[in-house]
Amino acid sequence: MKKSKTKSIILTVILHSFIILGIGHGIGIMWIIDIVSIPNLIDSYGFTLRGKFNDKIMSIGLISLIGKIFLVISIFLKPKLYERIFEIVGILILWISVYFLTSGNWSYNSVYEIAFLTSIPFLISSLNLVYLITRKKHE
């Protein structure tokens, strides 16, 4: 069961990393935003989740990176309680990042639609992971 859940965690993190985002005059993937958001921790960066898509993308990338770190750490934890806590918190944080990626004026700008459509595989995988986490709890 542990091997199946580990594979599901890795798949969920990978699928979240390949959510396509419309940025500026091009497109990017969430993984790039995760990496680019790291230097913003050092700089005098204003964390914001309001405003236009381009204004909040670095904050969403930071949230996404934190969620992925929680999920990856959960793979290596030995106490089952801590493992489950990190898994659940990681999934919730990634769901929050998808919410902020897709919440906006869909009729004005298609970046929200693109982000939502490409996040569907992640959402399915994360629901499978939640099932594996809760099923393990009842065994």
Protein backbone atom coordinates (compact mmCIF):
# COMPACT_ATOMS: atom_id res chain seq x y z
CA MET A 1 0.00 0.00 0.00
CA LYS A 2 2.87 2.38 0.81
CA LYS A 3 4.33 1.93 -2.69
CA SER A 4 0.98 2.72 -4.32
CA LYS A 5 0.52 5.85 -2.22
CA THR A 6 4.08 6.98 -2.92
CA LYS A 7 3.49 6.64 -6.66
CA SER A 8 0.26 8.58 -6.32
CA ILE A 9 2.05 11.38 -4.43
CA ILE A 10 4.74 11.61 -7.11
CA LEU A 11 2.14 11.60 -9.91
CA THR A 12 0.11 14.29 -8.15
CA VAL A 13 3.16 16.55 -7.74
CA ILE A 14 4.17 16.02 -11.39
CA LEU A 15 0.67 16.72 -12.71
CA HIS A 16 0.45 19.90 -10.63
CA SER A 17 3.84 20.96 -12.01
CA PHE A 18 2.55 20.75 -15.58
CA ILE A 19 -0.48 23.01 -15.19
CA ILE A 20 -0.22 25.41 -18.13
CA LEU A 21 -0.37 29.13 -17.39
CA GLY A 22 -0.81 32.05 -19.73
CA ILE A 23 1.79 34.59 -18.68
CA GLY A 24 2.39 37.84 -20.51
CA HIS A 25 2.41 37.05 -24.23
CA GLY A 26 3.27 33.39 -23.85
CA ILE A 27 2.67 30.30 -21.78
CA GLY A 28 4.52 28.59 -18.99
CA ILE A 29 4.12 25.65 -16.67
CA MET A 30 3.62 25.72 -12.93
CA TRP A 31 7.00 24.09 -12.29
CA ILE A 32 8.78 27.12 -13.76
CA ILE A 33 6.73 29.48 -11.58
CA ASP A 34 7.60 27.38 -8.52
CA ILE A 35 11.31 27.74 -9.23
CA VAL A 36 11.12 31.44 -10.15
CA SER A 37 9.19 32.22 -6.95
CA ILE A 38 12.13 31.11 -4.75
CA PRO A 39 14.19 34.32 -5.24
CA ASN A 40 11.12 36.32 -4.28
CA LEU A 41 11.55 35.02 -0.74
CA ILE A 42 14.86 36.86 -0.53
CA ASP A 43 13.84 40.07 -2.29
CA SER A 44 11.47 42.60 -0.82
CA TYR A 45 8.48 40.85 -2.33
CA GLY A 46 4.89 41.80 -1.63
CA PHE A 47 2.81 38.65 -1.17
CA THR A 48 -0.59 39.24 -2.77
CA LEU A 49 -3.45 37.09 -3.96
CA ARG A 50 -5.55 39.98 -5.26
CA GLY A 51 -5.48 41.79 -8.54
CA LYS A 52 -4.67 40.59 -12.02
CA PHE A 53 -3.33 37.14 -12.81
CA ASN A 54 0.20 38.43 -13.47
CA ASP A 55 0.23 40.28 -10.13
CA LYS A 56 -0.53 37.22 -8.04
CA ILE A 57 1.29 34.49 -9.99
CA MET A 58 4.47 34.59 -7.87
CA SER A 59 2.45 34.27 -4.67
CA ILE A 60 0.58 31.31 -6.15
CA GLY A 61 3.92 29.77 -7.15
CA LEU A 62 5.18 30.11 -3.59
CA ILE A 63 2.02 28.46 -2.22
CA SER A 64 2.39 25.68 -4.80
CA LEU A 65 6.03 25.09 -3.90
CA ILE A 66 5.18 24.80 -0.19
CA GLY A 67 2.43 22.25 -0.94
CA LYS A 68 4.78 20.15 -3.07
CA ILE A 69 7.46 20.24 -0.38
CA PHE A 70 4.92 18.99 2.18
CA LEU A 71 3.93 16.08 -0.07
CA VAL A 72 7.52 15.09 -0.86
CA ILE A 73 8.49 15.23 2.83
CA SER A 74 5.52 13.00 3.67
CA ILE A 75 7.08 10.22 1.59
CA PHE A 76 10.10 10.06 3.93
CA LEU A 77 8.34 10.42 7.30
CA LYS A 78 8.15 7.32 9.46
CA PRO A 79 5.51 8.11 12.09
CA LYS A 80 2.14 7.48 10.42
CA LEU A 81 0.49 10.45 12.14
CA TYR A 82 3.04 12.94 10.80
CA GLU A 83 2.94 11.28 7.39
CA ARG A 84 -0.84 11.72 7.14
CA ILE A 85 -0.72 15.29 8.44
CA PHE A 86 1.89 16.28 5.84
CA GLU A 87 -0.06 14.51 3.07
CA ILE A 88 -3.34 16.21 3.92
CA VAL A 89 -1.77 19.64 4.42
CA GLY A 90 0.17 19.29 1.15
CA ILE A 91 -2.95 18.36 -0.82
CA LEU A 92 -4.95 21.20 0.74
CA ILE A 93 -2.23 23.72 -0.09
CA LEU A 94 -2.08 22.52 -3.70
CA TRP A 95 -5.88 22.74 -3.97
CA ILE A 96 -5.69 26.31 -2.66
CA SER A 97 -3.10 27.15 -5.32
CA VAL A 98 -5.39 25.73 -8.03
CA TYR A 99 -8.27 27.77 -6.63
CA PHE A 100 -6.25 30.98 -6.94
CA LEU A 101 -5.02 29.96 -10.41
CA THR A 102 -8.57 29.50 -11.66
CA SER A 103 -10.47 32.19 -9.77
CA GLY A 104 -10.93 35.26 -11.89
CA ASN A 105 -13.07 36.79 -14.59
CA TRP A 106 -13.35 33.93 -17.08
CA SER A 107 -15.19 36.04 -19.65
CA TYR A 108 -12.46 38.69 -19.64
CA ASN A 109 -9.33 36.57 -19.84
CA SER A 110 -8.78 32.97 -20.95
CA VAL A 111 -5.77 32.36 -18.64
CA TYR A 112 -8.15 31.12 -15.95
CA GLU A 113 -9.82 28.67 -18.34
CA ILE A 114 -6.49 27.32 -19.55
CA ALA A 115 -5.27 26.87 -15.98
CA PHE A 116 -8.49 25.09 -15.02
CA LEU A 117 -8.55 22.75 -18.01
CA THR A 118 -4.93 21.74 -17.52
CA SER A 119 -5.44 21.27 -13.77
CA ILE A 120 -8.14 18.60 -14.25
CA PRO A 121 -5.62 15.69 -14.36
CA PHE A 122 -4.07 17.02 -11.12
CA LEU A 123 -7.49 17.25 -9.47
CA ILE A 124 -8.32 13.66 -10.43
CA SER A 125 -4.95 12.41 -9.19
CA SER A 126 -5.27 14.35 -5.94
CA LEU A 127 -8.73 12.91 -5.30
CA ASN A 128 -7.24 9.45 -5.80
CA LEU A 129 -4.50 10.33 -3.31
CA VAL A 130 -7.07 11.52 -0.76
CA TYR A 131 -8.87 8.21 -1.20
CA LEU A 132 -5.63 6.30 -0.57
CA ILE A 133 -4.90 8.41 2.53
CA THR A 134 -8.35 7.94 4.05
CA ARG A 135 -8.55 4.26 3.07
CA LYS A 136 -5.24 3.60 4.79
CA LYS A 137 -6.65 5.25 7.91
CA HIS A 138 -9.47 2.71 8.15
CA GLU A 139 -7.32 -0.38 7.68
